[in-house]
Amino acid sequence: MGRFTVNVRLGARRQITLPRKVCEKLRVLPGDTLEVAIEDSALVLKPNRARALNALREIQEAFRRSGITEEELLEDSRKIRKELIKERY
């Protein structure tokens, strides 16, 4: 996304209002939750979905490294599910 800078004011109740442009760039809506971090002396806000997307990328990378395809994973899970059904019923 690159660097984008905007000034905001800290209110009396220690709250800030994110300008519309900031929300649009982050693709967040009222009610969404943000992760707040302090890195060195910088305040960093990230939409929580960014963490989920990073986790998904890590999972995808782990699968790529393992050499297991999605189809193989699905087929193995079908086999295991069938075995469990046989055992239980």
Protein backbone atom coordinates (compact mmCIF):
# COMPACT_ATOMS: atom_id res chain seq x y z
CA MET A 1 0.00 0.00 0.00
CA GLY A 2 2.90 2.36 0.59
CA ARG A 3 3.04 5.24 3.01
CA PHE A 4 -0.02 7.38 3.65
CA THR A 5 0.05 10.13 6.28
CA VAL A 6 -2.78 12.08 7.87
CA ASN A 7 -3.06 14.10 11.08
CA VAL A 8 -5.68 13.20 13.69
CA ARG A 9 -6.44 14.73 17.08
CA LEU A 10 -6.56 12.79 20.34
CA GLY A 11 -9.86 13.64 22.01
CA ALA A 12 -10.55 14.28 25.69
CA ARG A 13 -11.44 10.61 26.21
CA ARG A 14 -8.18 9.51 24.49
CA GLN A 15 -10.05 8.57 21.32
CA ILE A 16 -9.20 9.29 17.71
CA THR A 17 -11.47 9.39 14.71
CA LEU A 18 -10.08 7.79 11.59
CA PRO A 19 -10.70 9.91 8.50
CA ARG A 20 -12.78 8.35 5.73
CA LYS A 21 -9.71 8.10 3.44
CA VAL A 22 -7.84 6.07 6.07
CA CYS A 23 -10.80 3.71 6.48
CA GLU A 24 -11.11 3.32 2.72
CA LYS A 25 -7.42 2.50 2.35
CA LEU A 26 -7.61 -0.05 5.20
CA ARG A 27 -11.00 -1.31 3.94
CA VAL A 28 -12.53 -1.06 7.39
CA LEU A 29 -16.08 -0.16 8.35
CA PRO A 30 -17.62 1.16 11.56
CA GLY A 31 -17.73 -1.71 14.05
CA ASP A 32 -14.67 -3.51 12.64
CA THR A 33 -11.91 -4.27 15.11
CA LEU A 34 -8.32 -3.20 14.63
CA GLU A 35 -5.13 -4.54 16.14
CA VAL A 36 -3.15 -1.72 17.76
CA ALA A 37 0.61 -2.17 18.12
CA ILE A 38 3.50 0.04 19.11
CA GLU A 39 6.62 -0.54 17.03
CA ASP A 40 9.54 1.53 18.25
CA SER A 41 7.85 4.91 18.63
CA ALA A 42 5.19 4.32 15.95
CA LEU A 43 1.55 3.43 16.44
CA VAL A 44 0.48 0.74 13.99
CA LEU A 45 -3.17 -0.13 13.29
CA LYS A 46 -4.07 -3.28 11.37
CA PRO A 47 -7.50 -4.68 10.56
CA ASN A 48 -7.91 -8.01 12.36
CA ARG A 49 -8.60 -9.70 9.04
CA ALA A 50 -5.01 -8.89 8.09
CA ARG A 51 -3.89 -11.32 10.79
CA ALA A 52 -6.24 -13.96 9.41
CA LEU A 53 -4.96 -13.42 5.87
CA ASN A 54 -1.36 -13.68 7.06
CA ALA A 55 -2.19 -16.93 8.84
CA LEU A 56 -3.84 -18.24 5.67
CA ARG A 57 -0.74 -17.36 3.64
CA GLU A 58 1.43 -19.21 6.16
CA ILE A 59 -0.82 -22.29 5.91
CA GLN A 60 -0.72 -22.14 2.11
CA GLU A 61 3.07 -21.85 2.21
CA ALA A 62 3.32 -24.83 4.57
CA PHE A 63 1.22 -26.91 2.15
CA ARG A 64 3.36 -25.79 -0.78
CA ARG A 65 6.54 -26.81 1.06
CA SER A 66 5.04 -30.17 2.08
CA GLY A 67 4.14 -31.09 -1.49
CA ILE A 68 0.61 -32.12 -0.46
CA THR A 69 -2.05 -30.87 -2.85
CA GLU A 70 -5.47 -29.67 -1.79
CA GLU A 71 -7.02 -32.60 -3.65
CA GLU A 72 -4.85 -35.09 -1.73
CA LEU A 73 -5.80 -33.46 1.57
CA LEU A 74 -9.50 -33.59 0.71
CA GLU A 75 -9.30 -37.22 -0.41
CA ASP A 76 -7.48 -38.26 2.76
CA SER A 77 -10.01 -36.42 4.93
CA ARG A 78 -12.86 -38.21 3.10
CA LYS A 79 -11.23 -41.57 3.79
CA ILE A 80 -10.74 -40.75 7.47
CA ARG A 81 -14.33 -39.52 7.78
CA LYS A 82 -15.63 -42.78 6.23
CA GLU A 83 -13.51 -44.83 8.65
CA LEU A 84 -14.80 -42.85 11.63
CA ILE A 85 -18.42 -43.32 10.50
CA LYS A 86 -17.85 -47.09 10.18
CA GLU A 87 -16.34 -47.24 13.67
CA ARG A 88 -19.13 -45.24 15.30
CA TYR A 89 -22.17 -46.65 13.47
